[in-house]
Amino acid sequence: MVVRKRKPNKEDSSMFIYNNKTIFNKITQVISGSSLDKITKKYQGDFRSQHFDTHSHVYSMLSF
């Protein structure tokens, strides 16, 4: 049985670039942005916080 390698086309390379991200990076892209900012403002998540804000807390909990 002969296995032939096919040439990678443009679609394959773009799919590889998209899927070459870590799971942590994909999750933080979904969470970061306006959605986390809206929730933080709505529930006053950063009220009286001095150094450890809501974004840092979410990312640290995701890394465990």
C-alpha atoms as a PDB file:
ATOM      1  CA  MET A   1       0.000   0.000   0.000  1.00  0.00           C
ATOM      2  CA  VAL A   2       1.406   3.356  -1.033  1.00  0.00           C
ATOM      3  CA  VAL A   3       0.563   6.433   1.007  1.00  0.00           C
ATOM      4  CA  ARG A   4       0.776   9.647  -0.926  1.00  0.00           C
ATOM      5  CA  LYS A   5       1.317  12.932   0.758  1.00  0.00           C
ATOM      6  CA  ARG A   6      -0.824  15.686  -0.576  1.00  0.00           C
ATOM      7  CA  LYS A   7       0.292  19.256  -0.848  1.00  0.00           C
ATOM      8  CA  PRO A   8      -1.056  21.551   1.855  1.00  0.00           C
ATOM      9  CA  ASN A   9      -3.386  24.130   0.448  1.00  0.00           C
ATOM     10  CA  LYS A  10      -4.327  27.572   1.700  1.00  0.00           C
ATOM     11  CA  GLU A  11      -7.272  26.278   3.758  1.00  0.00           C
ATOM     12  CA  ASP A  12      -5.067  23.805   5.632  1.00  0.00           C
ATOM     13  CA  SER A  13      -2.560  26.462   6.670  1.00  0.00           C
ATOM     14  CA  SER A  14      -5.231  28.864   7.931  1.00  0.00           C
ATOM     15  CA  MET A  15      -6.868  26.035   9.894  1.00  0.00           C
ATOM     16  CA  PHE A  16      -3.529  25.174  11.471  1.00  0.00           C
ATOM     17  CA  ILE A  17      -2.901  28.768  12.486  1.00  0.00           C
ATOM     18  CA  TYR A  18      -6.362  29.008  14.059  1.00  0.00           C
ATOM     19  CA  ASN A  19      -6.014  25.708  15.906  1.00  0.00           C
ATOM     20  CA  ASN A  20      -2.457  26.361  17.045  1.00  0.00           C
ATOM     21  CA  LYS A  21      -3.696  28.148  20.171  1.00  0.00           C
ATOM     22  CA  THR A  22      -3.723  26.780  23.658  1.00  0.00           C
ATOM     23  CA  ILE A  23      -6.982  26.073  25.430  1.00  0.00           C
ATOM     24  CA  PHE A  24      -6.206  28.770  27.987  1.00  0.00           C
ATOM     25  CA  ASN A  25      -5.749  31.314  25.218  1.00  0.00           C
ATOM     26  CA  LYS A  26      -9.053  30.361  23.581  1.00  0.00           C
ATOM     27  CA  ILE A  27     -10.953  30.608  26.865  1.00  0.00           C
ATOM     28  CA  THR A  28      -9.436  33.964  27.787  1.00  0.00           C
ATOM     29  CA  GLN A  29     -10.366  35.351  24.365  1.00  0.00           C
ATOM     30  CA  VAL A  30     -13.993  34.444  24.983  1.00  0.00           C
ATOM     31  CA  ILE A  31     -14.030  35.822  28.530  1.00  0.00           C
ATOM     32  CA  SER A  32     -11.940  38.937  27.995  1.00  0.00           C
ATOM     33  CA  GLY A  33     -13.346  42.022  26.445  1.00  0.00           C
ATOM     34  CA  SER A  34     -16.600  43.772  27.098  1.00  0.00           C
ATOM     35  CA  SER A  35     -18.455  40.820  28.658  1.00  0.00           C
ATOM     36  CA  LEU A  36     -16.231  40.633  31.738  1.00  0.00           C
ATOM     37  CA  ASP A  37     -16.160  44.433  31.971  1.00  0.00           C
ATOM     38  CA  LYS A  38     -19.969  44.598  31.915  1.00  0.00           C
ATOM     39  CA  ILE A  39     -20.306  41.967  34.640  1.00  0.00           C
ATOM     40  CA  THR A  40     -17.646  43.663  36.762  1.00  0.00           C
ATOM     41  CA  LYS A  41     -19.386  47.030  36.529  1.00  0.00           C
ATOM     42  CA  LYS A  42     -22.862  45.559  37.085  1.00  0.00           C
ATOM     43  CA  TYR A  43     -21.927  43.739  40.299  1.00  0.00           C
ATOM     44  CA  GLN A  44     -19.156  46.174  41.360  1.00  0.00           C
ATOM     45  CA  GLY A  45     -16.554  43.426  41.282  1.00  0.00           C
ATOM     46  CA  ASP A  46     -13.615  45.779  41.737  1.00  0.00           C
ATOM     47  CA  PHE A  47     -15.117  47.650  44.691  1.00  0.00           C
ATOM     48  CA  ARG A  48     -12.356  48.436  47.200  1.00  0.00           C
ATOM     49  CA  SER A  49      -9.812  46.244  45.425  1.00  0.00           C
ATOM     50  CA  GLN A  50      -6.328  47.669  45.479  1.00  0.00           C
ATOM     51  CA  HIS A  51      -4.093  45.323  43.508  1.00  0.00           C
ATOM     52  CA  PHE A  52      -5.879  42.077  42.660  1.00  0.00           C
ATOM     53  CA  ASP A  53      -8.674  43.017  40.266  1.00  0.00           C
ATOM     54  CA  THR A  54     -11.429  40.829  38.803  1.00  0.00           C
ATOM     55  CA  HIS A  55      -9.573  40.086  35.562  1.00  0.00           C
ATOM     56  CA  SER A  56      -6.532  38.820  37.465  1.00  0.00           C
ATOM     57  CA  HIS A  57      -8.719  36.715  39.713  1.00  0.00           C
ATOM     58  CA  VAL A  58     -10.552  35.051  36.797  1.00  0.00           C
ATOM     59  CA  TYR A  59      -7.314  34.313  34.950  1.00  0.00           C
ATOM     60  CA  SER A  60      -5.648  32.888  38.043  1.00  0.00           C
ATOM     61  CA  MET A  61      -8.635  30.616  38.706  1.00  0.00           C
ATOM     62  CA  LEU A  62      -8.589  29.401  35.096  1.00  0.00           C
ATOM     63  CA  SER A  63      -4.921  28.503  35.287  1.00  0.00           C
ATOM     64  CA  PHE A  64      -5.529  25.994  38.084  1.00  0.00           C
END
